[in-house]
């Protein structure tokens, strides 16, 4: 169910480029610790080789996601020989139970760190599903778009564990993402801009 929705931004971007063939889409994926990475990799397993290269960004304190990503990409390379990916780390914007006051400082630092990285990667499409790391990355992508340097389409998929309320990242990016996907009907009722596709992971 997710694939047709992701083909919408692909079609929009292809329409702006000339040529008989649809060019590959540079995809930036924001991974998060724990279940976030597991869910995002399940989504990626549905995508074709047109979404390449895939650029992964994860928090510098995340010790588990890199192994999961490399294992996923190794399996993918067995199917798609031209598979390409990169992996970068940024400072975590907010730790669990971190105070709101200090979170402002660490988020600003993460944004300053993420801006040159996002500019270097220049993704066509950003896919994220709720880790706090995605907020500074998406803010940087929005800034680059406002400056006319690069326009990236942001697709946010709220985690399956969010049944009645959005995550903090979701509450922020609900207003800025191009496509905001929820997996429970109660969230669709509360947030009309969202797209409800049922369970997709």
N, C-alpha and C. Protein backbone atom coordinates (compact mmCIF):
# COMPACT_ATOMS: atom_id res chain seq x y z
N UNK A 1 0.81 -1.20 0.00
CA UNK A 1 0.00 0.00 0.00
C UNK A 1 0.85 1.26 0.00
N UNK A 2 2.03 1.17 0.61
CA UNK A 2 2.88 2.36 0.68
C UNK A 2 3.49 2.69 -0.66
N UNK A 3 3.77 1.67 -1.48
CA UNK A 3 4.48 1.89 -2.72
C UNK A 3 3.79 2.88 -3.66
N UNK A 4 2.45 2.78 -3.89
CA UNK A 4 1.81 3.77 -4.77
C UNK A 4 1.97 5.19 -4.25
N UNK A 5 1.95 5.38 -2.95
CA UNK A 5 2.09 6.73 -2.40
C UNK A 5 3.49 7.27 -2.64
N UNK A 6 4.49 6.42 -2.50
CA UNK A 6 5.86 6.86 -2.74
C UNK A 6 6.12 7.10 -4.22
N UNK A 7 5.31 6.49 -5.09
CA UNK A 7 5.47 6.74 -6.52
C UNK A 7 4.93 8.11 -6.92
N UNK A 8 4.08 8.70 -6.08
CA UNK A 8 3.56 10.05 -6.36
C UNK A 8 4.68 11.06 -6.40
N UNK A 9 5.53 11.17 -5.34
CA UNK A 9 6.65 12.10 -5.44
C UNK A 9 7.61 11.74 -6.55
N UNK A 10 7.76 10.44 -6.84
CA UNK A 10 8.63 10.03 -7.94
C UNK A 10 8.12 10.59 -9.25
N UNK A 11 6.81 10.53 -9.47
CA UNK A 11 6.23 11.05 -10.69
C UNK A 11 6.37 12.57 -10.77
N UNK A 12 6.19 13.25 -9.64
CA UNK A 12 6.30 14.71 -9.62
C UNK A 12 7.71 15.15 -9.97
N UNK A 13 8.70 14.45 -9.42
CA UNK A 13 10.08 14.80 -9.70
C UNK A 13 10.45 14.47 -11.14
N UNK A 14 9.96 13.35 -11.63
CA UNK A 14 10.28 12.95 -13.00
C UNK A 14 9.69 13.93 -14.00
N UNK A 15 8.53 14.50 -13.67
CA UNK A 15 7.86 15.43 -14.56
C UNK A 15 8.68 16.70 -14.76
N UNK A 16 9.51 17.04 -13.75
CA UNK A 16 10.30 18.24 -13.84
C UNK A 16 11.60 18.02 -14.60
N UNK A 17 11.90 16.78 -14.95
CA UNK A 17 13.12 16.48 -15.66
C UNK A 17 12.79 15.96 -17.05
N UNK A 18 13.64 16.26 -18.00
CA UNK A 18 13.41 15.81 -19.36
C UNK A 18 14.17 14.53 -19.62
N UNK A 19 13.67 13.79 -20.60
CA UNK A 19 14.33 12.54 -20.96
C UNK A 19 13.34 11.40 -21.00
N UNK A 20 13.62 10.38 -21.83
CA UNK A 20 12.69 9.25 -21.98
C UNK A 20 12.61 8.35 -20.76
N UNK A 21 13.66 8.34 -19.94
CA UNK A 21 13.68 7.44 -18.79
C UNK A 21 13.52 8.21 -17.50
N UNK A 22 12.84 7.57 -16.55
CA UNK A 22 12.70 8.17 -15.23
C UNK A 22 14.02 7.99 -14.48
N UNK A 23 14.65 9.08 -14.05
CA UNK A 23 15.94 8.97 -13.38
C UNK A 23 15.78 8.39 -11.98
N UNK A 24 16.84 7.82 -11.43
CA UNK A 24 16.75 7.31 -10.06
C UNK A 24 16.53 8.45 -9.07
N UNK A 25 15.93 8.12 -7.95
CA UNK A 25 15.66 9.10 -6.91
C UNK A 25 16.63 8.91 -5.75
N UNK A 26 17.30 9.97 -5.38
CA UNK A 26 18.18 9.94 -4.22
C UNK A 26 17.32 9.96 -2.97
N UNK A 27 17.44 8.93 -2.15
CA UNK A 27 16.58 8.76 -0.98
C UNK A 27 17.38 8.92 0.30
N UNK A 28 16.91 9.81 1.17
CA UNK A 28 17.53 9.96 2.49
C UNK A 28 16.61 9.32 3.53
N UNK A 29 17.15 8.41 4.29
CA UNK A 29 16.38 7.67 5.30
C UNK A 29 16.93 8.01 6.68
N UNK A 30 16.06 8.47 7.56
CA UNK A 30 16.48 8.77 8.93
C UNK A 30 16.14 7.58 9.81
N UNK A 31 17.16 6.92 10.32
CA UNK A 31 16.96 5.74 11.15
C UNK A 31 16.95 6.14 12.62
N UNK A 32 16.25 5.34 13.42
CA UNK A 32 16.19 5.60 14.86
C UNK A 32 16.45 4.32 15.62
N UNK A 33 16.81 4.45 16.85
CA UNK A 33 17.14 3.27 17.65
C UNK A 33 15.90 2.42 17.91
N UNK A 34 16.14 1.14 18.19
CA UNK A 34 15.04 0.24 18.54
C UNK A 34 14.13 -0.06 17.36
N UNK A 35 12.81 0.01 17.63
CA UNK A 35 11.83 -0.38 16.62
C UNK A 35 11.74 0.54 15.43
N UNK A 36 12.20 1.77 15.57
CA UNK A 36 12.13 2.71 14.44
C UNK A 36 12.91 2.17 13.24
N UNK A 37 14.11 1.68 13.48
CA UNK A 37 14.92 1.18 12.37
C UNK A 37 14.30 -0.07 11.76
N UNK A 38 13.78 -0.95 12.60
CA UNK A 38 13.13 -2.17 12.10
C UNK A 38 11.96 -1.81 11.19
N UNK A 39 11.14 -0.85 11.60
CA UNK A 39 9.98 -0.45 10.80
C UNK A 39 10.41 0.19 9.49
N UNK A 40 11.40 1.08 9.54
CA UNK A 40 11.81 1.78 8.32
C UNK A 40 12.43 0.82 7.31
N UNK A 41 13.14 -0.20 7.78
CA UNK A 41 13.73 -1.17 6.86
C UNK A 41 12.66 -2.05 6.23
N UNK A 42 11.58 -2.31 6.95
CA UNK A 42 10.46 -3.05 6.34
C UNK A 42 9.85 -2.25 5.21
N UNK A 43 9.74 -0.94 5.40
CA UNK A 43 9.23 -0.08 4.34
C UNK A 43 10.16 -0.09 3.13
N UNK A 44 11.45 0.00 3.39
CA UNK A 44 12.43 0.04 2.30
C UNK A 44 12.46 -1.25 1.50
N UNK A 45 12.13 -2.35 2.13
CA UNK A 45 12.15 -3.63 1.42
C UNK A 45 11.12 -3.68 0.30
N UNK A 46 10.14 -2.77 0.33
CA UNK A 46 9.10 -2.73 -0.70
C UNK A 46 9.50 -1.86 -1.89
N UNK A 47 10.59 -1.12 -1.78
CA UNK A 47 10.95 -0.16 -2.81
C UNK A 47 11.80 -0.80 -3.90
N UNK A 48 11.69 -0.27 -5.09
CA UNK A 48 12.45 -0.78 -6.23
C UNK A 48 13.86 -0.20 -6.23
N UNK A 49 14.67 -0.62 -7.20
CA UNK A 49 16.04 -0.12 -7.31
C UNK A 49 16.09 1.31 -7.81
N UNK A 50 14.93 1.88 -8.19
CA UNK A 50 14.91 3.27 -8.63
C UNK A 50 15.24 4.23 -7.50
N UNK A 51 15.03 3.78 -6.27
CA UNK A 51 15.34 4.63 -5.11
C UNK A 51 16.80 4.40 -4.73
N UNK A 52 17.67 5.08 -5.44
CA UNK A 52 19.10 4.89 -5.24
C UNK A 52 19.85 6.14 -5.68
N UNK A 53 20.92 6.50 -4.97
CA UNK A 53 21.43 5.84 -3.77
C UNK A 53 20.56 6.13 -2.55
N UNK A 54 20.71 5.28 -1.52
CA UNK A 54 20.01 5.48 -0.25
C UNK A 54 21.00 6.00 0.78
N UNK A 55 20.70 7.15 1.33
CA UNK A 55 21.57 7.77 2.33
C UNK A 55 20.92 7.61 3.71
N UNK A 56 21.58 6.91 4.59
CA UNK A 56 21.06 6.71 5.94
C UNK A 56 21.71 7.70 6.90
N UNK A 57 20.89 8.30 7.75
CA UNK A 57 21.39 9.16 8.82
C UNK A 57 20.88 8.62 10.14
N UNK A 58 21.76 8.48 11.11
CA UNK A 58 21.37 8.01 12.43
C UNK A 58 22.13 8.80 13.49
N UNK A 59 21.63 8.74 14.71
CA UNK A 59 22.23 9.48 15.82
C UNK A 59 23.58 8.87 16.20
N UNK A 60 24.50 9.73 16.65
CA UNK A 60 25.83 9.23 16.99
C UNK A 60 25.82 8.31 18.21
N UNK A 61 24.75 8.37 19.01
CA UNK A 61 24.66 7.48 20.18
C UNK A 61 23.91 6.19 19.89
N UNK A 62 23.46 6.01 18.67
CA UNK A 62 22.73 4.80 18.29
C UNK A 62 23.73 3.69 17.99
N UNK A 63 23.73 2.67 18.81
CA UNK A 63 24.72 1.60 18.68
C UNK A 63 24.22 0.39 17.91
N UNK A 64 22.92 0.32 17.62
CA UNK A 64 22.36 -0.90 17.03
C UNK A 64 21.95 -0.76 15.57
N UNK A 65 21.56 0.44 15.16
CA UNK A 65 20.97 0.60 13.83
C UNK A 65 21.94 0.33 12.69
N UNK A 66 23.21 0.68 12.87
CA UNK A 66 24.16 0.51 11.78
C UNK A 66 24.27 -0.95 11.35
N UNK A 67 24.32 -1.86 12.31
CA UNK A 67 24.43 -3.29 11.98
C UNK A 67 23.19 -3.75 11.22
N UNK A 68 22.00 -3.28 11.64
CA UNK A 68 20.77 -3.66 10.95
C UNK A 68 20.75 -3.14 9.52
N UNK A 69 21.21 -1.90 9.34
CA UNK A 69 21.22 -1.29 8.00
C UNK A 69 22.19 -2.02 7.08
N UNK A 70 23.38 -2.29 7.58
CA UNK A 70 24.37 -2.97 6.73
C UNK A 70 23.91 -4.38 6.36
N UNK A 71 23.26 -5.06 7.29
CA UNK A 71 22.73 -6.39 6.98
C UNK A 71 21.63 -6.31 5.93
N UNK A 72 20.76 -5.30 6.06
CA UNK A 72 19.69 -5.10 5.08
C UNK A 72 20.27 -4.80 3.70
N UNK A 73 21.25 -3.92 3.64
CA UNK A 73 21.83 -3.54 2.35
C UNK A 73 22.62 -4.69 1.73
N UNK A 74 23.21 -5.52 2.56
CA UNK A 74 23.92 -6.69 2.03
C UNK A 74 22.95 -7.65 1.35
N UNK A 75 21.80 -7.87 1.98
CA UNK A 75 20.79 -8.73 1.36
C UNK A 75 20.24 -8.09 0.09
N UNK A 76 20.06 -6.79 0.11
CA UNK A 76 19.53 -6.08 -1.05
C UNK A 76 20.50 -6.15 -2.23
N UNK A 77 21.78 -6.08 -1.94
CA UNK A 77 22.79 -6.15 -3.00
C UNK A 77 22.78 -7.49 -3.72
N UNK A 78 22.28 -8.53 -3.06
CA UNK A 78 22.18 -9.84 -3.71
C UNK A 78 21.10 -9.84 -4.79
N UNK A 79 20.12 -8.91 -4.65
CA UNK A 79 19.05 -8.80 -5.64
C UNK A 79 19.35 -7.73 -6.67
N UNK A 80 19.84 -6.58 -6.18
CA UNK A 80 20.16 -5.46 -7.06
C UNK A 80 21.66 -5.23 -7.02
N UNK A 81 22.34 -5.64 -8.09
CA UNK A 81 23.80 -5.57 -8.11
C UNK A 81 24.32 -4.14 -8.06
N UNK A 82 23.52 -3.18 -8.53
CA UNK A 82 23.96 -1.79 -8.56
C UNK A 82 23.54 -1.01 -7.31
N UNK A 83 23.13 -1.72 -6.27
CA UNK A 83 22.65 -1.09 -5.05
C UNK A 83 23.74 -0.22 -4.42
N UNK A 84 23.37 1.01 -4.04
CA UNK A 84 24.32 1.94 -3.43
C UNK A 84 23.72 2.54 -2.17
N UNK A 85 24.55 2.73 -1.15
CA UNK A 85 24.08 3.40 0.06
C UNK A 85 25.23 4.06 0.79
N UNK A 86 24.91 5.06 1.59
CA UNK A 86 25.89 5.71 2.45
C UNK A 86 25.31 5.74 3.85
N UNK A 87 26.16 5.95 4.83
CA UNK A 87 25.72 5.99 6.22
C UNK A 87 26.47 7.11 6.95
N UNK A 88 25.70 8.03 7.55
CA UNK A 88 26.30 9.15 8.28
C UNK A 88 25.64 9.26 9.66
N UNK A 89 26.39 9.85 10.59
CA UNK A 89 25.88 10.06 11.94
C UNK A 89 25.84 11.56 12.26
N UNK A 90 24.83 11.95 13.05
CA UNK A 90 24.72 13.33 13.50
C UNK A 90 24.47 13.31 15.01
N UNK A 91 24.73 14.42 15.70
CA UNK A 91 24.43 14.47 17.14
C UNK A 91 22.94 14.29 17.39
N UNK A 92 22.60 13.53 18.40
CA UNK A 92 21.19 13.31 18.74
C UNK A 92 20.60 14.62 19.25
N UNK A 93 19.42 14.96 18.74
CA UNK A 93 18.80 16.23 19.13
C UNK A 93 18.20 16.18 20.53
N UNK A 94 17.73 15.00 20.92
CA UNK A 94 17.12 14.90 22.26
C UNK A 94 17.22 13.46 22.76
N UNK A 95 17.76 13.30 23.95
CA UNK A 95 17.82 11.99 24.58
C UNK A 95 16.51 11.73 25.33
N UNK A 96 16.26 10.47 25.63
CA UNK A 96 15.07 10.10 26.39
C UNK A 96 15.13 10.76 27.77
N UNK A 97 14.02 11.39 28.15
CA UNK A 97 13.88 12.08 29.44
C UNK A 97 14.80 13.29 29.60
N UNK A 98 15.32 13.79 28.48
CA UNK A 98 16.12 15.01 28.54
C UNK A 98 15.21 16.21 28.77
N UNK A 99 15.64 17.20 29.53
CA UNK A 99 14.82 18.36 29.83
C UNK A 99 14.57 19.17 28.56
N UNK A 100 13.42 19.87 28.53
CA UNK A 100 13.05 20.66 27.36
C UNK A 100 14.05 21.79 27.13
N UNK A 101 14.54 22.39 28.21
CA UNK A 101 15.47 23.52 28.07
C UNK A 101 16.76 23.09 27.37
N UNK A 102 17.33 22.02 27.85
CA UNK A 102 18.57 21.55 27.23
C UNK A 102 18.32 20.96 25.84
N UNK A 103 17.10 20.49 25.59
CA UNK A 103 16.77 19.93 24.28
C UNK A 103 16.85 20.99 23.18
N UNK A 104 16.50 22.23 23.53
CA UNK A 104 16.58 23.32 22.54
C UNK A 104 18.02 23.50 22.09
N UNK A 105 18.94 23.47 23.04
CA UNK A 105 20.36 23.66 22.72
C UNK A 105 20.89 22.51 21.87
N UNK A 106 20.60 21.28 22.28
CA UNK A 106 21.11 20.12 21.54
C UNK A 106 20.47 20.01 20.15
N UNK A 107 19.21 20.42 20.02
CA UNK A 107 18.55 20.39 18.71
C UNK A 107 19.18 21.41 17.77
N UNK A 108 19.46 22.61 18.27
CA UNK A 108 20.12 23.63 17.45
C UNK A 108 21.49 23.16 17.00
N UNK A 109 22.21 22.51 17.91
CA UNK A 109 23.53 21.98 17.55
C UNK A 109 23.40 20.91 16.46
N UNK A 110 22.39 20.06 16.60
CA UNK A 110 22.16 19.01 15.61
C UNK A 110 21.79 19.60 14.25
N UNK A 111 21.02 20.69 14.26
CA UNK A 111 20.65 21.35 13.00
C UNK A 111 21.89 21.92 12.31
N UNK A 112 22.75 22.59 13.08
CA UNK A 112 23.97 23.17 12.51
C UNK A 112 24.87 22.08 11.94
N UNK A 113 24.90 20.94 12.58
CA UNK A 113 25.70 19.82 12.11
C UNK A 113 25.07 19.18 10.86
N UNK A 114 23.74 19.14 10.82
CA UNK A 114 23.03 18.45 9.74
C UNK A 114 22.96 19.26 8.45
N UNK A 115 23.02 20.58 8.56
CA UNK A 115 22.82 21.43 7.38
C UNK A 115 23.84 21.16 6.27
N UNK A 116 25.15 21.18 6.56
CA UNK A 116 26.09 20.89 5.47
C UNK A 116 25.99 19.45 4.96
N UNK A 117 25.62 18.52 5.84
CA UNK A 117 25.47 17.13 5.40
C UNK A 117 24.28 16.99 4.46
N UNK A 118 23.15 17.59 4.81
CA UNK A 118 21.96 17.53 3.95
C UNK A 118 22.23 18.18 2.61
N UNK A 119 22.96 19.28 2.65
CA UNK A 119 23.31 19.97 1.40
C UNK A 119 24.21 19.09 0.53
N UNK A 120 25.14 18.40 1.16
CA UNK A 120 26.05 17.54 0.41
C UNK A 120 25.30 16.36 -0.23
N UNK A 121 24.37 15.78 0.51
CA UNK A 121 23.63 14.62 0.00
C UNK A 121 22.58 15.00 -1.03
N UNK A 122 21.96 16.17 -0.88
CA UNK A 122 20.93 16.68 -1.80
C UNK A 122 19.90 15.60 -2.17
N UNK A 123 19.16 15.09 -1.20
CA UNK A 123 18.18 14.03 -1.52
C UNK A 123 16.98 14.57 -2.29
N UNK A 124 16.38 13.72 -3.11
CA UNK A 124 15.12 14.05 -3.76
C UNK A 124 13.95 13.77 -2.83
N UNK A 125 14.11 12.75 -2.00
CA UNK A 125 13.04 12.28 -1.13
C UNK A 125 13.59 11.93 0.24
N UNK A 126 12.89 12.36 1.30
CA UNK A 126 13.28 12.02 2.67
C UNK A 126 12.19 11.15 3.27
N UNK A 127 12.58 10.02 3.83
CA UNK A 127 11.64 9.09 4.45
C UNK A 127 12.01 8.93 5.91
N UNK A 128 11.07 9.19 6.81
CA UNK A 128 11.34 9.05 8.24
C UNK A 128 10.09 8.56 8.96
N UNK A 129 10.30 8.02 10.16
CA UNK A 129 9.16 7.44 10.87
C UNK A 129 9.18 7.74 12.37
N UNK A 130 9.74 8.87 12.76
CA UNK A 130 9.53 9.29 14.13
C UNK A 130 10.70 9.49 15.06
N UNK A 131 11.91 8.99 14.76
CA UNK A 131 12.99 9.24 15.70
C UNK A 131 13.30 10.74 15.78
N UNK A 132 13.73 11.19 16.95
CA UNK A 132 14.01 12.61 17.11
C UNK A 132 15.05 13.13 16.14
N UNK A 133 15.91 12.25 15.66
CA UNK A 133 16.95 12.62 14.72
C UNK A 133 16.38 13.20 13.42
N UNK A 134 15.15 12.81 13.08
CA UNK A 134 14.59 13.25 11.80
C UNK A 134 14.20 14.73 11.81
N UNK A 135 13.95 15.30 12.97
CA UNK A 135 13.50 16.70 13.03
C UNK A 135 14.57 17.66 12.51
N UNK A 136 15.81 17.64 13.02
CA UNK A 136 16.81 18.55 12.47
C UNK A 136 17.10 18.31 10.99
N UNK A 137 17.06 17.05 10.56
CA UNK A 137 17.32 16.75 9.15
C UNK A 137 16.23 17.35 8.26
N UNK A 138 14.98 17.19 8.67
CA UNK A 138 13.87 17.74 7.88
C UNK A 138 13.87 19.27 7.90
N UNK A 139 14.24 19.85 9.04
CA UNK A 139 14.33 21.31 9.11
C UNK A 139 15.40 21.81 8.14
N UNK A 140 16.52 21.13 8.07
CA UNK A 140 17.59 21.51 7.14
C UNK A 140 17.12 21.39 5.69
N UNK A 141 16.37 20.32 5.40
CA UNK A 141 15.85 20.14 4.04
C UNK A 141 14.88 21.27 3.69
N UNK A 142 14.05 21.67 4.64
CA UNK A 142 13.13 22.78 4.40
C UNK A 142 13.89 24.08 4.16
N UNK A 143 14.96 24.32 4.93
CA UNK A 143 15.76 25.52 4.74
C UNK A 143 16.41 25.55 3.36
N UNK A 144 16.93 24.41 2.92
CA UNK A 144 17.54 24.34 1.59
C UNK A 144 16.52 24.61 0.50
N UNK A 145 15.28 24.14 0.72
CA UNK A 145 14.23 24.40 -0.25
C UNK A 145 13.86 25.87 -0.29
N UNK A 146 13.76 26.50 0.88
CA UNK A 146 13.43 27.93 0.95
C UNK A 146 14.51 28.78 0.30
N UNK A 147 15.75 28.35 0.40
CA UNK A 147 16.87 29.08 -0.19
C UNK A 147 17.03 28.79 -1.68
N UNK A 148 16.22 27.89 -2.20
CA UNK A 148 16.29 27.55 -3.62
C UNK A 148 17.47 26.69 -3.99
N UNK A 149 18.08 26.03 -3.01
CA UNK A 149 19.26 25.21 -3.27
C UNK A 149 18.89 23.78 -3.63
N UNK A 150 17.85 23.24 -2.98
CA UNK A 150 17.40 21.88 -3.27
C UNK A 150 16.04 21.66 -2.64
N UNK A 151 15.09 21.17 -3.42
CA UNK A 151 13.75 20.87 -2.91
C UNK A 151 13.63 19.37 -2.72
N UNK A 152 13.42 18.95 -1.48
CA UNK A 152 13.25 17.53 -1.16
C UNK A 152 11.81 17.29 -0.70
N UNK A 153 11.23 16.21 -1.13
CA UNK A 153 9.90 15.82 -0.70
C UNK A 153 10.03 15.00 0.59
N UNK A 154 9.28 15.38 1.62
CA UNK A 154 9.35 14.72 2.92
C UNK A 154 8.14 13.81 3.12
N UNK A 155 8.40 12.53 3.32
CA UNK A 155 7.36 11.55 3.61
C UNK A 155 7.56 11.07 5.04
N UNK A 156 6.58 11.34 5.89
CA UNK A 156 6.67 10.93 7.29
C UNK A 156 5.66 9.81 7.55
N UNK A 157 6.13 8.71 8.10
CA UNK A 157 5.27 7.57 8.43
C UNK A 157 5.28 7.42 9.95
N UNK A 158 4.15 7.69 10.59
CA UNK A 158 4.08 7.55 12.05
C UNK A 158 4.19 6.08 12.44
N UNK A 159 4.88 5.83 13.53
CA UNK A 159 5.13 4.47 13.98
C UNK A 159 3.82 3.73 14.26
N UNK A 160 3.83 2.43 14.04
CA UNK A 160 2.66 1.59 14.28
C UNK A 160 2.24 1.61 15.74
N UNK A 161 3.18 1.89 16.64
CA UNK A 161 2.84 1.89 18.08
C UNK A 161 2.07 3.14 18.49
N UNK A 162 1.96 4.13 17.61
CA UNK A 162 1.21 5.33 17.90
C UNK A 162 -0.24 5.13 17.44
N UNK A 163 -1.10 4.84 18.41
CA UNK A 163 -2.49 4.49 18.10
C UNK A 163 -3.43 5.69 18.20
N UNK A 164 -3.28 6.49 19.25
CA UNK A 164 -4.21 7.61 19.48
C UNK A 164 -3.53 8.98 19.51
N UNK A 165 -2.24 9.01 19.76
CA UNK A 165 -1.52 10.28 19.81
C UNK A 165 -0.26 10.19 18.96
N UNK A 166 0.15 11.33 18.42
CA UNK A 166 1.37 11.39 17.62
C UNK A 166 2.59 11.46 18.52
N UNK A 167 3.71 11.02 17.99
CA UNK A 167 4.98 11.21 18.68
C UNK A 167 5.34 12.69 18.63
N UNK A 168 6.32 13.09 19.43
CA UNK A 168 6.74 14.49 19.42
C UNK A 168 7.24 14.89 18.04
N UNK A 169 8.00 14.02 17.39
CA UNK A 169 8.46 14.31 16.03
C UNK A 169 7.28 14.46 15.08
N UNK A 170 6.27 13.59 15.25
CA UNK A 170 5.09 13.66 14.40
C UNK A 170 4.33 14.95 14.57
N UNK A 171 4.21 15.41 15.83
CA UNK A 171 3.49 16.66 16.10
C UNK A 171 4.18 17.85 15.43
N UNK A 172 5.50 17.79 15.32
CA UNK A 172 6.24 18.87 14.68
C UNK A 172 6.15 18.77 13.15
N UNK A 173 6.43 17.59 12.62
CA UNK A 173 6.52 17.43 11.16
C UNK A 173 5.16 17.28 10.48
N UNK A 174 4.10 17.14 11.26
CA UNK A 174 2.75 17.10 10.68
C UNK A 174 2.50 18.34 9.84
N UNK A 175 3.06 19.46 10.25
CA UNK A 175 2.81 20.74 9.57
C UNK A 175 3.78 21.01 8.42
N UNK A 176 4.84 20.23 8.33
CA UNK A 176 5.88 20.53 7.34
C UNK A 176 6.09 19.43 6.30
N UNK A 177 5.63 18.23 6.58
CA UNK A 177 5.86 17.12 5.64
C UNK A 177 4.91 17.23 4.44
N UNK A 178 5.37 16.68 3.31
CA UNK A 178 4.53 16.67 2.11
C UNK A 178 3.48 15.57 2.19
N UNK A 179 3.85 14.45 2.78
CA UNK A 179 2.94 13.32 2.97
C UNK A 179 3.11 12.83 4.39
N UNK A 180 2.02 12.80 5.15
CA UNK A 180 2.06 12.37 6.54
C UNK A 180 1.15 11.15 6.67
N UNK A 181 1.75 10.00 6.93
CA UNK A 181 1.03 8.72 6.89
C UNK A 181 0.84 8.19 8.31
N UNK A 182 -0.39 7.80 8.64
CA UNK A 182 -0.69 7.19 9.92
C UNK A 182 -1.22 5.78 9.69
N UNK A 183 -1.13 4.95 10.72
CA UNK A 183 -1.51 3.54 10.58
C UNK A 183 -2.71 3.15 11.42
N UNK A 184 -3.35 4.14 12.05
CA UNK A 184 -4.55 3.87 12.84
C UNK A 184 -5.62 4.92 12.52
N UNK A 185 -6.89 4.50 12.39
CA UNK A 185 -7.96 5.43 12.01
C UNK A 185 -8.18 6.54 13.03
N UNK A 186 -7.90 6.29 14.31
CA UNK A 186 -8.09 7.33 15.33
C UNK A 186 -7.21 8.53 15.06
N UNK A 187 -6.01 8.30 14.55
CA UNK A 187 -5.11 9.41 14.24
C UNK A 187 -5.59 10.18 13.02
N UNK A 188 -6.15 9.48 12.06
CA UNK A 188 -6.68 10.15 10.87
C UNK A 188 -7.82 11.10 11.26
N UNK A 189 -8.64 10.69 12.21
CA UNK A 189 -9.75 11.54 12.66
C UNK A 189 -9.24 12.80 13.35
N UNK A 190 -8.17 12.68 14.13
CA UNK A 190 -7.62 13.82 14.85
C UNK A 190 -6.78 14.72 13.96
N UNK A 191 -6.15 14.13 12.95
CA UNK A 191 -5.24 14.88 12.09
C UNK A 191 -5.66 14.71 10.64
N UNK A 192 -6.58 15.54 10.17
CA UNK A 192 -7.18 15.36 8.84
C UNK A 192 -6.21 15.45 7.67
N UNK A 193 -5.07 16.13 7.86
CA UNK A 193 -4.11 16.21 6.76
C UNK A 193 -3.44 14.87 6.50
N UNK A 194 -3.45 14.00 7.49
CA UNK A 194 -2.75 12.73 7.38
C UNK A 194 -3.41 11.80 6.38
N UNK A 195 -2.66 10.80 5.95
CA UNK A 195 -3.15 9.78 5.03
C UNK A 195 -3.18 8.45 5.79
N UNK A 196 -4.34 7.83 5.86
CA UNK A 196 -4.48 6.55 6.55
C UNK A 196 -4.44 5.41 5.54
N UNK A 197 -3.46 4.52 5.71
CA UNK A 197 -3.31 3.38 4.81
C UNK A 197 -3.48 2.05 5.51
N UNK A 198 -3.90 2.08 6.77
CA UNK A 198 -3.93 0.85 7.53
C UNK A 198 -2.52 0.47 7.96
N UNK A 199 -2.34 -0.74 8.41
CA UNK A 199 -1.02 -1.17 8.86
C UNK A 199 -0.12 -1.46 7.66
N UNK A 200 1.02 -0.81 7.62
CA UNK A 200 1.92 -0.98 6.47
C UNK A 200 3.28 -1.56 6.87
N UNK A 201 3.48 -1.79 8.18
CA UNK A 201 4.73 -2.43 8.62
C UNK A 201 4.40 -3.58 9.56
